[in-house]
Amino acid sequence: MIEYVKGTVEELTPTYAVIDCSGLGYRCEISLPTFTAIEGKSQVKLLVHEAIREDAWTLYGFIDERERGLFRLLIGVSGVGAGTARMILSALSATELEAAIINGDHLKLKAVKGIGAKTAQRIIVDLKDKVKPSDDTDMASVIAAGKATSSPAFEESLAALTMLGFQRAHAEKVLKKLYEADPALKVETAIKQALALL
């Protein structure tokens, strides 16, 4: 079993990385947070999850154990495959995902492409007792993050920025900071402030 790959980045896209380990190239499917973390680096170490089927052997690479752990929890939920789990981890940061599960915020999960209401609720039911805030995020901040990013104003602002052509993950990151600083921010004001930051 492959625990990790460490070597030179030969190819990097937002969805996969090819890592050269002593002349052997490993293609690892990655999430957007992992892409962001390794972008611009020549030497990297990715933790690996192997998905072996009759017709394919796929490696999924993660920047840290927190992300890999969440991925493994997600694929343990009925109806959530590796591709869907990676999509969730690309759309939501680890803290946001933990907050959504802990707070029972199925709308947050449902907003991820390919996730229906039943799957979102199943993820929460199955993982609520298994997901704990990581050491770098205390419970209060996780709950606050979940509340700040699940308000109707936040969702409306995010939808507007996405329609304007901004990348969802980037827009969400900017809006999250704005709404954490001022949870009562009006939609129009949030959009104007976000446009200045994007």
N, C-alpha and C. Protein backbone atom coordinates (compact mmCIF):
# COMPACT_ATOMS: atom_id res chain seq x y z
N MET A 1 0.84 -1.19 0.00
CA MET A 1 0.00 0.00 0.00
C MET A 1 0.88 1.25 0.00
N ILE A 2 0.53 2.22 -0.84
CA ILE A 2 1.29 3.47 -0.93
C ILE A 2 0.77 4.44 0.13
N GLU A 3 1.65 4.88 1.02
CA GLU A 3 1.28 5.83 2.07
C GLU A 3 1.41 7.27 1.59
N TYR A 4 2.49 7.55 0.86
CA TYR A 4 2.68 8.89 0.32
C TYR A 4 3.62 8.84 -0.88
N VAL A 5 3.61 9.91 -1.67
CA VAL A 5 4.59 10.07 -2.75
C VAL A 5 5.32 11.37 -2.49
N LYS A 6 6.64 11.33 -2.67
CA LYS A 6 7.47 12.51 -2.41
C LYS A 6 8.44 12.66 -3.57
N GLY A 7 8.43 13.81 -4.19
CA GLY A 7 9.32 14.00 -5.31
C GLY A 7 9.09 15.33 -6.02
N THR A 8 9.47 15.33 -7.31
CA THR A 8 9.40 16.54 -8.13
C THR A 8 8.05 16.63 -8.84
N VAL A 9 7.49 17.83 -8.84
CA VAL A 9 6.23 18.05 -9.56
C VAL A 9 6.54 18.17 -11.05
N GLU A 10 6.11 17.18 -11.82
CA GLU A 10 6.34 17.18 -13.27
C GLU A 10 5.20 17.83 -14.02
N GLU A 11 4.00 17.69 -13.49
CA GLU A 11 2.81 18.26 -14.13
C GLU A 11 1.81 18.59 -13.04
N LEU A 12 1.16 19.75 -13.19
CA LEU A 12 0.19 20.15 -12.18
C LEU A 12 -0.99 20.86 -12.82
N THR A 13 -2.20 20.37 -12.52
CA THR A 13 -3.43 21.02 -12.94
C THR A 13 -4.32 21.12 -11.70
N PRO A 14 -5.43 21.86 -11.76
CA PRO A 14 -6.31 21.93 -10.58
C PRO A 14 -6.93 20.60 -10.18
N THR A 15 -6.84 19.58 -11.05
CA THR A 15 -7.47 18.29 -10.72
C THR A 15 -6.49 17.13 -10.52
N TYR A 16 -5.27 17.27 -11.02
CA TYR A 16 -4.30 16.19 -10.79
C TYR A 16 -2.87 16.71 -10.81
N ALA A 17 -1.99 15.92 -10.20
CA ALA A 17 -0.56 16.25 -10.19
C ALA A 17 0.21 14.98 -10.56
N VAL A 18 1.28 15.15 -11.32
CA VAL A 18 2.18 14.04 -11.63
C VAL A 18 3.46 14.28 -10.85
N ILE A 19 3.79 13.37 -9.95
CA ILE A 19 4.97 13.50 -9.10
C ILE A 19 6.01 12.48 -9.52
N ASP A 20 7.21 12.95 -9.84
CA ASP A 20 8.32 12.08 -10.23
C ASP A 20 9.06 11.63 -8.97
N CYS A 21 9.01 10.34 -8.71
CA CYS A 21 9.71 9.77 -7.56
C CYS A 21 10.82 8.87 -8.10
N SER A 22 12.04 9.38 -8.16
CA SER A 22 13.20 8.62 -8.65
C SER A 22 12.95 8.01 -10.03
N GLY A 23 12.39 8.80 -10.93
CA GLY A 23 12.20 8.34 -12.30
C GLY A 23 10.87 7.66 -12.56
N LEU A 24 10.07 7.48 -11.52
CA LEU A 24 8.75 6.87 -11.68
C LEU A 24 7.69 7.94 -11.42
N GLY A 25 6.82 8.18 -12.42
CA GLY A 25 5.83 9.24 -12.29
C GLY A 25 4.50 8.72 -11.76
N TYR A 26 4.04 9.29 -10.66
CA TYR A 26 2.76 8.91 -10.08
C TYR A 26 1.75 10.03 -10.35
N ARG A 27 0.63 9.66 -10.97
CA ARG A 27 -0.45 10.64 -11.18
C ARG A 27 -1.40 10.54 -9.99
N CYS A 28 -1.58 11.67 -9.31
CA CYS A 28 -2.47 11.72 -8.15
C CYS A 28 -3.61 12.69 -8.44
N GLU A 29 -4.83 12.23 -8.27
CA GLU A 29 -5.99 13.11 -8.38
C GLU A 29 -6.01 13.97 -7.12
N ILE A 30 -6.21 15.27 -7.29
CA ILE A 30 -6.13 16.18 -6.14
C ILE A 30 -7.35 17.10 -6.06
N SER A 31 -7.50 17.73 -4.91
CA SER A 31 -8.58 18.71 -4.70
C SER A 31 -8.00 20.11 -4.92
N LEU A 32 -8.87 21.10 -4.99
CA LEU A 32 -8.41 22.49 -5.16
C LEU A 32 -7.54 22.98 -4.01
N PRO A 33 -7.86 22.66 -2.74
CA PRO A 33 -6.97 23.10 -1.66
C PRO A 33 -5.57 22.52 -1.77
N THR A 34 -5.47 21.26 -2.21
CA THR A 34 -4.15 20.66 -2.39
C THR A 34 -3.42 21.33 -3.55
N PHE A 35 -4.15 21.60 -4.63
CA PHE A 35 -3.55 22.30 -5.78
C PHE A 35 -2.98 23.64 -5.33
N THR A 36 -3.77 24.40 -4.57
CA THR A 36 -3.34 25.71 -4.09
C THR A 36 -2.11 25.59 -3.20
N ALA A 37 -2.08 24.55 -2.37
CA ALA A 37 -0.97 24.37 -1.43
C ALA A 37 0.35 24.03 -2.13
N ILE A 38 0.28 23.30 -3.24
CA ILE A 38 1.53 22.87 -3.89
C ILE A 38 1.87 23.69 -5.14
N GLU A 39 0.97 24.57 -5.55
CA GLU A 39 1.23 25.38 -6.74
C GLU A 39 2.49 26.21 -6.54
N GLY A 40 3.37 26.17 -7.53
CA GLY A 40 4.62 26.94 -7.46
C GLY A 40 5.76 26.22 -6.78
N LYS A 41 5.49 25.04 -6.20
CA LYS A 41 6.56 24.27 -5.54
C LYS A 41 7.13 23.23 -6.50
N SER A 42 8.41 22.97 -6.38
CA SER A 42 9.02 21.96 -7.25
C SER A 42 9.09 20.60 -6.55
N GLN A 43 9.27 20.60 -5.24
CA GLN A 43 9.34 19.37 -4.46
C GLN A 43 8.15 19.30 -3.51
N VAL A 44 7.42 18.20 -3.54
CA VAL A 44 6.25 18.07 -2.67
C VAL A 44 6.14 16.66 -2.10
N LYS A 45 5.33 16.57 -1.06
CA LYS A 45 4.98 15.27 -0.47
C LYS A 45 3.47 15.24 -0.37
N LEU A 46 2.86 14.23 -1.00
CA LEU A 46 1.41 14.07 -0.95
C LEU A 46 1.05 12.77 -0.25
N LEU A 47 0.17 12.84 0.73
CA LEU A 47 -0.37 11.63 1.34
C LEU A 47 -1.31 10.99 0.33
N VAL A 48 -1.36 9.68 0.31
CA VAL A 48 -2.09 8.98 -0.76
C VAL A 48 -3.21 8.10 -0.22
N HIS A 49 -4.29 8.08 -0.98
CA HIS A 49 -5.34 7.08 -0.79
C HIS A 49 -5.46 6.32 -2.10
N GLU A 50 -5.36 5.00 -2.04
CA GLU A 50 -5.46 4.19 -3.24
C GLU A 50 -6.89 3.68 -3.43
N ALA A 51 -7.39 3.82 -4.64
CA ALA A 51 -8.71 3.28 -4.98
C ALA A 51 -8.50 2.25 -6.08
N ILE A 52 -8.62 0.98 -5.72
CA ILE A 52 -8.33 -0.09 -6.67
C ILE A 52 -9.63 -0.80 -7.06
N ARG A 53 -9.91 -0.79 -8.37
CA ARG A 53 -11.06 -1.50 -8.90
C ARG A 53 -10.57 -2.42 -10.01
N GLU A 54 -11.47 -3.24 -10.55
CA GLU A 54 -11.09 -4.16 -11.61
C GLU A 54 -10.57 -3.43 -12.84
N ASP A 55 -11.18 -2.27 -13.14
CA ASP A 55 -10.83 -1.55 -14.36
C ASP A 55 -9.93 -0.33 -14.14
N ALA A 56 -9.57 -0.04 -12.89
CA ALA A 56 -8.75 1.15 -12.65
C ALA A 56 -8.03 1.09 -11.30
N TRP A 57 -6.86 1.72 -11.29
CA TRP A 57 -6.10 1.88 -10.04
C TRP A 57 -5.79 3.37 -9.95
N THR A 58 -6.49 4.07 -9.06
CA THR A 58 -6.38 5.52 -8.99
C THR A 58 -5.77 5.94 -7.66
N LEU A 59 -4.85 6.89 -7.74
CA LEU A 59 -4.25 7.47 -6.54
C LEU A 59 -4.84 8.85 -6.29
N TYR A 60 -5.23 9.10 -5.07
CA TYR A 60 -5.72 10.42 -4.67
C TYR A 60 -4.69 11.02 -3.72
N GLY A 61 -4.25 12.22 -4.02
CA GLY A 61 -3.20 12.86 -3.23
C GLY A 61 -3.74 13.98 -2.36
N PHE A 62 -3.20 14.11 -1.14
CA PHE A 62 -3.68 15.11 -0.19
C PHE A 62 -2.50 15.81 0.47
N ILE A 63 -2.68 17.10 0.72
CA ILE A 63 -1.61 17.89 1.31
C ILE A 63 -1.39 17.56 2.79
N ASP A 64 -2.44 17.10 3.48
CA ASP A 64 -2.28 16.77 4.90
C ASP A 64 -3.24 15.66 5.32
N GLU A 65 -3.03 15.18 6.53
CA GLU A 65 -3.83 14.07 7.05
C GLU A 65 -5.28 14.48 7.31
N ARG A 66 -5.48 15.74 7.63
CA ARG A 66 -6.84 16.22 7.88
C ARG A 66 -7.71 16.05 6.63
N GLU A 67 -7.17 16.45 5.48
CA GLU A 67 -7.93 16.35 4.24
C GLU A 67 -8.14 14.88 3.85
N ARG A 68 -7.08 14.07 3.99
CA ARG A 68 -7.22 12.66 3.64
C ARG A 68 -8.22 11.97 4.56
N GLY A 69 -8.20 12.33 5.83
CA GLY A 69 -9.14 11.73 6.78
C GLY A 69 -10.58 12.05 6.43
N LEU A 70 -10.84 13.31 6.05
CA LEU A 70 -12.19 13.70 5.66
C LEU A 70 -12.62 12.97 4.38
N PHE A 71 -11.68 12.82 3.45
CA PHE A 71 -11.95 12.10 2.20
C PHE A 71 -12.37 10.66 2.50
N ARG A 72 -11.63 10.01 3.39
CA ARG A 72 -11.92 8.62 3.73
C ARG A 72 -13.26 8.48 4.46
N LEU A 73 -13.59 9.46 5.28
CA LEU A 73 -14.90 9.44 5.94
C LEU A 73 -16.01 9.59 4.91
N LEU A 74 -15.82 10.52 3.96
CA LEU A 74 -16.84 10.77 2.95
C LEU A 74 -17.10 9.55 2.08
N ILE A 75 -16.04 8.86 1.63
CA ILE A 75 -16.25 7.71 0.75
C ILE A 75 -16.82 6.51 1.50
N GLY A 76 -16.84 6.59 2.83
CA GLY A 76 -17.46 5.55 3.64
C GLY A 76 -18.97 5.71 3.72
N VAL A 77 -19.46 6.85 3.24
CA VAL A 77 -20.91 7.11 3.24
C VAL A 77 -21.52 6.50 1.99
N SER A 78 -22.60 5.77 2.15
CA SER A 78 -23.28 5.15 1.01
C SER A 78 -23.70 6.20 -0.01
N GLY A 79 -23.33 5.96 -1.27
CA GLY A 79 -23.71 6.89 -2.34
C GLY A 79 -22.67 7.96 -2.62
N VAL A 80 -21.60 8.00 -1.83
CA VAL A 80 -20.54 8.99 -2.06
C VAL A 80 -19.28 8.26 -2.55
N GLY A 81 -18.97 8.47 -3.82
CA GLY A 81 -17.77 7.88 -4.41
C GLY A 81 -16.58 8.79 -4.25
N ALA A 82 -15.42 8.31 -4.73
CA ALA A 82 -14.19 9.09 -4.61
C ALA A 82 -14.28 10.41 -5.37
N GLY A 83 -14.89 10.39 -6.55
CA GLY A 83 -15.03 11.62 -7.34
C GLY A 83 -15.89 12.65 -6.64
N THR A 84 -16.97 12.19 -6.03
CA THR A 84 -17.87 13.10 -5.31
C THR A 84 -17.18 13.66 -4.07
N ALA A 85 -16.44 12.80 -3.37
CA ALA A 85 -15.73 13.23 -2.16
C ALA A 85 -14.71 14.31 -2.51
N ARG A 86 -14.01 14.12 -3.63
CA ARG A 86 -13.03 15.12 -4.06
C ARG A 86 -13.73 16.43 -4.43
N MET A 87 -14.89 16.33 -5.05
CA MET A 87 -15.67 17.53 -5.42
C MET A 87 -16.07 18.30 -4.16
N ILE A 88 -16.48 17.59 -3.11
CA ILE A 88 -16.87 18.23 -1.85
C ILE A 88 -15.67 18.96 -1.24
N LEU A 89 -14.52 18.28 -1.25
CA LEU A 89 -13.31 18.87 -0.66
C LEU A 89 -12.78 20.04 -1.49
N SER A 90 -13.15 20.09 -2.77
CA SER A 90 -12.75 21.22 -3.61
C SER A 90 -13.68 22.41 -3.41
N ALA A 91 -14.94 22.13 -3.14
CA ALA A 91 -15.93 23.20 -2.98
C ALA A 91 -15.92 23.80 -1.57
N LEU A 92 -15.58 22.97 -0.56
CA LEU A 92 -15.59 23.41 0.83
C LEU A 92 -14.21 23.19 1.45
N SER A 93 -13.76 24.14 2.24
CA SER A 93 -12.51 23.93 2.97
C SER A 93 -12.77 22.89 4.06
N ALA A 94 -11.71 22.35 4.63
CA ALA A 94 -11.86 21.35 5.69
C ALA A 94 -12.69 21.91 6.85
N THR A 95 -12.42 23.16 7.23
CA THR A 95 -13.17 23.79 8.33
C THR A 95 -14.64 23.94 7.98
N GLU A 96 -14.92 24.36 6.73
CA GLU A 96 -16.31 24.54 6.30
C GLU A 96 -17.06 23.21 6.26
N LEU A 97 -16.37 22.16 5.81
CA LEU A 97 -17.00 20.83 5.77
C LEU A 97 -17.29 20.33 7.17
N GLU A 98 -16.31 20.49 8.06
CA GLU A 98 -16.52 20.09 9.46
C GLU A 98 -17.69 20.86 10.07
N ALA A 99 -17.73 22.16 9.80
CA ALA A 99 -18.81 23.00 10.34
C ALA A 99 -20.16 22.56 9.81
N ALA A 100 -20.24 22.27 8.51
CA ALA A 100 -21.50 21.85 7.90
C ALA A 100 -22.01 20.55 8.52
N ILE A 101 -21.10 19.61 8.77
CA ILE A 101 -21.49 18.32 9.35
C ILE A 101 -21.89 18.50 10.81
N ILE A 102 -21.06 19.22 11.56
CA ILE A 102 -21.33 19.41 13.00
C ILE A 102 -22.63 20.18 13.21
N ASN A 103 -22.86 21.20 12.36
CA ASN A 103 -24.06 22.04 12.50
C ASN A 103 -25.29 21.46 11.82
N GLY A 104 -25.13 20.32 11.11
CA GLY A 104 -26.25 19.72 10.40
C GLY A 104 -26.72 20.58 9.23
N ASP A 105 -25.80 21.31 8.62
CA ASP A 105 -26.12 22.24 7.55
C ASP A 105 -26.17 21.51 6.20
N HIS A 106 -27.28 20.83 5.92
CA HIS A 106 -27.38 20.06 4.68
C HIS A 106 -27.46 20.96 3.45
N LEU A 107 -27.92 22.22 3.62
CA LEU A 107 -27.98 23.14 2.49
C LEU A 107 -26.58 23.48 1.98
N LYS A 108 -25.63 23.57 2.90
CA LYS A 108 -24.24 23.85 2.52
C LYS A 108 -23.69 22.72 1.66
N LEU A 109 -23.97 21.49 2.07
CA LEU A 109 -23.50 20.32 1.31
C LEU A 109 -24.26 20.19 0.00
N LYS A 110 -25.55 20.48 0.04
CA LYS A 110 -26.38 20.36 -1.16
C LYS A 110 -25.95 21.35 -2.24
N ALA A 111 -25.31 22.45 -1.82
CA ALA A 111 -24.85 23.46 -2.78
C ALA A 111 -23.69 22.96 -3.63
N VAL A 112 -23.05 21.87 -3.19
CA VAL A 112 -21.94 21.30 -3.97
C VAL A 112 -22.51 20.56 -5.18
N LYS A 113 -21.89 20.79 -6.33
CA LYS A 113 -22.36 20.16 -7.57
C LYS A 113 -22.40 18.64 -7.42
N GLY A 114 -23.54 18.05 -7.79
CA GLY A 114 -23.68 16.59 -7.75
C GLY A 114 -24.19 16.03 -6.44
N ILE A 115 -24.40 16.90 -5.45
CA ILE A 115 -24.90 16.43 -4.14
C ILE A 115 -26.38 16.78 -4.01
N GLY A 116 -27.21 15.76 -3.88
CA GLY A 116 -28.64 15.97 -3.70
C GLY A 116 -28.98 16.07 -2.22
N ALA A 117 -30.24 16.38 -1.94
CA ALA A 117 -30.69 16.55 -0.56
C ALA A 117 -30.50 15.28 0.26
N LYS A 118 -30.84 14.12 -0.32
CA LYS A 118 -30.73 12.86 0.42
C LYS A 118 -29.28 12.54 0.75
N THR A 119 -28.39 12.74 -0.22
CA THR A 119 -26.97 12.46 0.01
C THR A 119 -26.41 13.40 1.07
N ALA A 120 -26.77 14.68 1.00
CA ALA A 120 -26.31 15.67 1.98
C ALA A 120 -26.74 15.27 3.39
N GLN A 121 -27.99 14.86 3.53
CA GLN A 121 -28.50 14.46 4.84
C GLN A 121 -27.83 13.18 5.33
N ARG A 122 -27.57 12.26 4.39
CA ARG A 122 -26.90 11.00 4.76
C ARG A 122 -25.48 11.26 5.26
N ILE A 123 -24.78 12.19 4.61
CA ILE A 123 -23.42 12.54 5.04
C ILE A 123 -23.45 13.06 6.47
N ILE A 124 -24.40 13.93 6.76
CA ILE A 124 -24.50 14.50 8.11
C ILE A 124 -24.85 13.44 9.14
N VAL A 125 -25.83 12.60 8.84
CA VAL A 125 -26.24 11.55 9.78
C VAL A 125 -25.10 10.57 10.05
N ASP A 126 -24.42 10.15 8.97
CA ASP A 126 -23.35 9.16 9.10
C ASP A 126 -22.09 9.70 9.78
N LEU A 127 -21.80 10.99 9.56
CA LEU A 127 -20.50 11.52 10.01
C LEU A 127 -20.55 12.45 11.22
N LYS A 128 -21.76 12.80 11.65
CA LYS A 128 -21.87 13.79 12.75
C LYS A 128 -21.09 13.35 13.99
N ASP A 129 -21.11 12.07 14.31
CA ASP A 129 -20.41 11.59 15.51
C ASP A 129 -18.94 11.28 15.23
N LYS A 130 -18.56 11.28 13.96
CA LYS A 130 -17.17 10.94 13.60
C LYS A 130 -16.30 12.16 13.35
N VAL A 131 -16.93 13.27 12.98
CA VAL A 131 -16.18 14.49 12.66
C VAL A 131 -16.04 15.35 13.90
N LYS A 132 -14.80 15.69 14.21
CA LYS A 132 -14.51 16.59 15.32
C LYS A 132 -13.68 17.74 14.77
N PRO A 133 -13.84 18.96 15.32
CA PRO A 133 -13.00 20.06 14.86
C PRO A 133 -11.54 19.71 15.06
N SER A 134 -10.68 20.07 14.11
CA SER A 134 -9.26 19.80 14.23
C SER A 134 -8.64 20.67 15.32
N ASP A 135 -7.42 20.33 15.71
CA ASP A 135 -6.74 21.03 16.80
C ASP A 135 -6.59 22.53 16.53
N ASP A 136 -6.46 22.90 15.24
CA ASP A 136 -6.24 24.31 14.92
C ASP A 136 -7.55 25.08 14.80
N THR A 137 -8.67 24.42 15.06
CA THR A 137 -9.97 25.09 14.97
C THR A 137 -10.80 24.70 16.19
N ASP A 138 -11.02 25.66 17.09
CA ASP A 138 -11.83 25.32 18.26
C ASP A 138 -13.31 25.24 17.88
N MET A 139 -14.09 24.61 18.72
CA MET A 139 -15.50 24.34 18.43
C MET A 139 -16.28 25.62 18.16
N ALA A 140 -16.01 26.66 18.92
CA ALA A 140 -16.76 27.91 18.76
C ALA A 140 -16.54 28.50 17.36
N SER A 141 -15.28 28.46 16.88
CA SER A 141 -15.02 29.05 15.57
C SER A 141 -15.61 28.20 14.45
N VAL A 142 -15.66 26.89 14.66
CA VAL A 142 -16.26 26.02 13.65
C VAL A 142 -17.76 26.32 13.54
N ILE A 143 -18.42 26.44 14.68
CA ILE A 143 -19.85 26.73 14.68
C ILE A 143 -20.11 28.12 14.11
N ALA A 144 -19.25 29.08 14.46
CA ALA A 144 -19.40 30.44 13.92
C ALA A 144 -19.23 30.45 12.41
N ALA A 145 -18.26 29.68 11.93
CA ALA A 145 -18.03 29.61 10.48
C ALA A 145 -19.23 29.01 9.79
N GLY A 146 -19.82 27.99 10.41
CA GLY A 146 -20.99 27.36 9.83
C GLY A 146 -22.17 28.31 9.77
N LYS A 147 -22.36 29.13 10.83
CA LYS A 147 -23.47 30.07 10.83
C LYS A 147 -23.25 31.20 9.83
N ALA A 148 -22.00 31.70 9.78
CA ALA A 148 -21.70 32.84 8.90
C ALA A 148 -21.89 32.48 7.44
N THR A 149 -21.57 31.23 7.10
CA THR A 149 -21.62 30.85 5.68
C THR A 149 -22.87 30.06 5.32
N SER A 150 -23.87 30.07 6.18
CA SER A 150 -25.11 29.37 5.83
C SER A 150 -26.30 30.32 5.83
N SER A 151 -26.02 31.63 5.96
CA SER A 151 -27.11 32.61 5.96
C SER A 151 -27.63 32.82 4.54
N PRO A 152 -28.90 33.20 4.41
CA PRO A 152 -29.46 33.47 3.08
C PRO A 152 -28.69 34.56 2.34
N ALA A 153 -28.23 35.59 3.09
CA ALA A 153 -27.49 36.69 2.47
C ALA A 153 -26.18 36.19 1.87
N PHE A 154 -25.50 35.31 2.61
CA PHE A 154 -24.24 34.74 2.12
C PHE A 154 -24.48 33.96 0.83
N GLU A 155 -25.49 33.09 0.85
CA GLU A 155 -25.80 32.25 -0.31
C GLU A 155 -26.19 33.09 -1.52
N GLU A 156 -26.96 34.16 -1.27
CA GLU A 156 -27.40 35.03 -2.36
C GLU A 156 -26.21 35.78 -2.97
N SER A 157 -25.32 36.25 -2.10
CA SER A 157 -24.11 36.95 -2.57
C SER A 157 -23.22 36.01 -3.38
N LEU A 158 -23.08 34.79 -2.89
CA LEU A 158 -22.26 33.81 -3.59
C LEU A 158 -22.84 33.48 -4.96
N ALA A 159 -24.16 33.30 -5.02
CA ALA A 159 -24.83 32.99 -6.29
C ALA A 159 -24.63 34.13 -7.29
N ALA A 160 -24.72 35.37 -6.80
CA ALA A 160 -24.55 36.53 -7.69
C ALA A 160 -23.13 36.59 -8.25
N LEU A 161 -22.13 36.36 -7.40
CA LEU A 161 -20.74 36.41 -7.85
C LEU A 161 -20.43 35.28 -8.83
N THR A 162 -21.02 34.12 -8.58
CA THR A 162 -20.83 32.99 -9.49
C THR A 162 -21.44 33.29 -10.85
N MET A 163 -22.61 33.92 -10.86
CA MET A 163 -23.26 34.29 -12.12
C MET A 163 -22.46 35.35 -12.87
N LEU A 164 -21.71 36.16 -12.12
CA LEU A 164 -20.88 37.19 -12.74
C LEU A 164 -19.61 36.59 -13.35
N GLY A 165 -19.41 35.29 -13.11
CA GLY A 165 -18.28 34.61 -13.74
C GLY A 165 -17.10 34.32 -12.83
N PHE A 166 -17.22 34.65 -11.54
CA PHE A 166 -16.12 34.38 -10.61
C PHE A 166 -16.15 32.92 -10.18
N GLN A 167 -14.96 32.35 -9.95
CA GLN A 167 -14.84 30.95 -9.54
C GLN A 167 -15.48 30.80 -8.16
N ARG A 168 -16.33 29.81 -8.02
CA ARG A 168 -17.10 29.64 -6.78
C ARG A 168 -16.21 29.55 -5.54
N ALA A 169 -15.18 28.73 -5.60
CA ALA A 169 -14.32 28.53 -4.42
C ALA A 169 -13.65 29.84 -4.00
N HIS A 170 -13.19 30.62 -4.98
CA HIS A 170 -12.52 31.88 -4.68
C HIS A 170 -13.51 32.89 -4.10
N ALA A 171 -14.69 32.99 -4.74
CA ALA A 171 -15.72 33.92 -4.26
C ALA A 171 -16.17 33.56 -2.85
N GLU A 172 -16.31 32.25 -2.60
CA GLU A 172 -16.76 31.79 -1.28
C GLU A 172 -15.76 32.15 -0.20
N LYS A 173 -14.47 32.04 -0.54
CA LYS A 173 -13.40 32.34 0.42
C LYS A 173 -13.45 33.83 0.82
N VAL A 174 -13.62 34.69 -0.18
CA VAL A 174 -13.68 36.13 0.07
C VAL A 174 -14.93 36.49 0.89
N LEU A 175 -16.08 35.93 0.48
CA LEU A 175 -17.33 36.22 1.20
C LEU A 175 -17.30 35.71 2.63
N LYS A 176 -16.65 34.57 2.84
CA LYS A 176 -16.58 34.01 4.19
C LYS A 176 -15.89 35.00 5.13
N LYS A 177 -14.79 35.61 4.64
CA LYS A 177 -14.07 36.58 5.47
C LYS A 177 -14.95 37.80 5.77
N LEU A 178 -15.68 38.25 4.75
CA LEU A 178 -16.54 39.42 4.93
C LEU A 178 -17.66 39.15 5.93
N TYR A 179 -18.30 37.97 5.81
CA TYR A 179 -19.44 37.66 6.69
C TYR A 179 -19.00 37.25 8.10
N GLU A 180 -17.79 36.75 8.23
CA GLU A 180 -17.28 36.45 9.58
C GLU A 180 -17.00 37.76 10.31
N ALA A 181 -16.55 38.78 9.55
CA ALA A 181 -16.28 40.09 10.16
C ALA A 181 -17.57 40.83 10.48
N ASP A 182 -18.59 40.64 9.62
CA ASP A 182 -19.88 41.31 9.83
C ASP A 182 -21.03 40.40 9.35
N PRO A 183 -21.54 39.55 10.24
CA PRO A 183 -22.61 38.60 9.86
C PRO A 183 -23.89 39.28 9.36
N ALA A 184 -24.08 40.57 9.69
CA ALA A 184 -25.30 41.28 9.29
C ALA A 184 -25.15 42.00 7.95
N LEU A 185 -24.06 41.76 7.27
CA LEU A 185 -23.77 42.42 5.99
C LEU A 185 -24.89 42.18 4.98
N LYS A 186 -25.34 43.28 4.33
CA LYS A 186 -26.39 43.16 3.32
C LYS A 186 -25.79 42.65 2.02
N VAL A 187 -26.64 42.01 1.22
CA VAL A 187 -26.19 41.37 -0.03
C VAL A 187 -25.48 42.36 -0.94
N GLU A 188 -26.09 43.49 -1.18
CA GLU A 188 -25.52 44.49 -2.10
C GLU A 188 -24.13 44.94 -1.63
N THR A 189 -24.02 45.22 -0.33
CA THR A 189 -22.75 45.67 0.24
C THR A 189 -21.70 44.57 0.15
N ALA A 190 -22.11 43.33 0.44
CA ALA A 190 -21.18 42.20 0.38
C ALA A 190 -20.62 42.01 -1.02
N ILE A 191 -21.51 42.12 -2.02
CA ILE A 191 -21.08 41.95 -3.41
C ILE A 191 -20.09 43.04 -3.80
N LYS A 192 -20.39 44.29 -3.43
CA LYS A 192 -19.50 45.40 -3.77
C LYS A 192 -18.13 45.23 -3.12
N GLN A 193 -18.12 44.83 -1.83
CA GLN A 193 -16.85 44.64 -1.13
C GLN A 193 -16.08 43.46 -1.73
N ALA A 194 -16.81 42.40 -2.08
CA ALA A 194 -16.16 41.22 -2.67
C ALA A 194 -15.55 41.53 -4.03
N LEU A 195 -16.25 42.34 -4.82
CA LEU A 195 -15.73 42.71 -6.15
C LEU A 195 -14.42 43.47 -6.04
N ALA A 196 -14.26 44.21 -4.96
CA ALA A 196 -13.02 44.97 -4.76
C ALA A 196 -11.87 44.05 -4.35
N LEU A 197 -12.22 42.88 -3.83
CA LEU A 197 -11.18 41.94 -3.35
C LEU A 197 -10.86 40.84 -4.33
N LEU A 198 -11.79 40.55 -5.24
CA LEU A 198 -11.61 39.44 -6.18
C LEU A 198 -10.71 39.84 -7.35
